[in-house]
Structures are given as structure tokens and as C-alpha cells.
């Protein structure tokens, strides 16, 4: 569930010249969230025939960015909309590589930052609040489908969501799944040393870009009614879920009631995928589910391609997660396989023309 928590990523992302691409536009917008009482930072990607400032979205000292044209005009015509939900401790721009691939394939893509579970703003007490994340996605859908600027570009009847890790949990709940708090508490008792559970007991968090000490968090203190409520958004017609978190907590009855096609993807060879995200059983529980696992990968393979020396830099600042540790397979190659699977899933389920 947790990714990219080191303070090394917490500075403002620098946009640098790109040397490839040119058919994808991008822009940053703000969308007000009534539930949170503040604006959400949202990044958009879309096909374009226009020109604009060449940027690498998501470029920083650790990760390579993805090329796009800043503030270029979208191509004419209505297109499917895909919402992205990032993993805990990341940001929307951390999924720029797959957003770019989707935009090149003809989709409009929107990725909000989820306050409380982003890099520089992440704490154990906020992590289980899935209802806040699902509301973020629903709020973005409402705004974009009622905004005069985007009405001519987005087909409101063709909307999907892609979620990674905690974002996968978010996407699954938007599709109709409901979680059981007692089941998740039991999981963290039985698997106390798993990566997600040690986050709750580890005594650290991040606020305002700085690492802070926090007391161990007791999952039993989570608002049970909110954790177990339905966050179903009927406007979403399909979902792709990559290493979805909370896997052990979703109820079988709610999974069986999901009516839309779901594509589950696990990162890792057979026998090496953590139980916290192993989703082959989830795919069997839903009415219209597919399942694929990616060999010679790990949970962090979904993150952007790391720059040379990034692993050493992370180690020097005390990062404990193997964010840039090689898996025996180039991350570029893993991304290419993932992009093929994800784009194909959305083309099929959202009937994209491009």
C-alpha cells in the first residue's frame, strides 16, 4: 500500500525539456472538494495536435518524467475519461508514464492528488480513510463532466478508473466493493510484519514535506461505519486494479454484486506476490473479472523509471522501501507490458476508437 515516503521526493517537481513525444497535452487544474473543504490538485493528459511548452511530467532527482506539451489544446471530439488513483505516499504525476500511454491511445486522463496520502503529506491515521479518496475521484468526475471547457472533450458515458496499491483499493470501492474493518484488523495481527501493517506501527509520517514522529496507530480506532460504507459511483463503467491494497478486507457479497468489468494485475512472479495485494481470488469473486501477473517485477515496478544512482541516494536519506532496487528486469520493459495490458483493457471496455 505505501510507496514513496522519503522526504527526497517532497520538493516541487521540476518540469524539464523533453526530447520525445509531442502528441500528448497536459495541464494542471484545481477542483474544489466540498468534503475536504479545499481544492484538489489535478493533472490532466489528453491527445493534442497543438504545440506547447515541452515538459517531462514527474521529473525529479529520483525518477524520470514522461514527455508532454504543457497547456496544449485538446483534439476535437468526445473521448473516454480514465481517472487515476495513486498509491499511498505518491502523487498523480507519479503515474505520468501510464497516463501518457493512455492519452496516446485516445483517452482523456485525470489524476488528483489525494490529501493525507501523498508524498510530503502522509500519516498512518489517514491511510485507511478510503472514503476520502473515493470522494476525490467522484468529485473530479462531477467537475469535469459539468465543466463547459471539457464537455466537448469527455464522453460521460465512457468513464473508467485505474488504481495502484491504495489507489487500487480506491478504484475497487468505486466499482462497488465494500471492506470489513475487523477483517483488516485481523490481517494486521496475522501479518504484523507486512509492509502495510508496519506502516501503521512504525511511528513515522510526513507533514509539510518533513518527516515526523507519530505514535503507533491502532486500526481499531478507524471510523468503522465510514470504512465499511458503500462508495460505489455508478458513472464508472470499468476499472483496472494493479496490486490493490486491502485485498483481504473486501467482502465476498459486495464483490459478487459488482456489475462492471474489472481487470486485476499483480506485480511479481508466482509465489512472490505479497498476500496484502494478491488479487487472483478477487478476480474470481467478481462476475466479470480478468487476472494477469507480471513476472520478474515487484510492487514498486509500477513507479516511474528510476534515474542512475537513485537507489544509493534513497539509501543515504534513510528510505527503507526498495523503491529503486532492480528486480532482474528493466522497469521500462515492465512498463511496456503493463501499458499494453492497461490500454487494451480500457479500449475493450470503454470502446475507445483510437
Foldseek 3Di string as FASTA:
>chain_A
DADAQFLQLVDDADWDADDDDEQKEKEWDWFDQPVVRGIWIKMKIAGAPFAAGWTFQPDDQWFGGHIHHYPGDHDFAAFAEEEEEEAFAAFQSQQRLLNHLLRVLGYMYMYTGQAQRYHQRHALVSLLQLLSVLSVVVSVLVCQCPDPSNVRYHDLQQYAYEYAAQGLVSRVLQLFWFFALVQVLVVCVVCVVDPSNCRQCVQWHGHNSDIDGHHRHRSVPPPRCSRGDRSHDVSHQEYEGELYFPLRTTDLVRQQPRDHEYEYEYEEDPPPGDPRRDCPVSQVSHPHYHYYYDYLGYSLLSGGFTDPPSQVVCVVSPNPDSNHPGSPDHSVVVVVVVSVVVSVVSCVRSVGDD
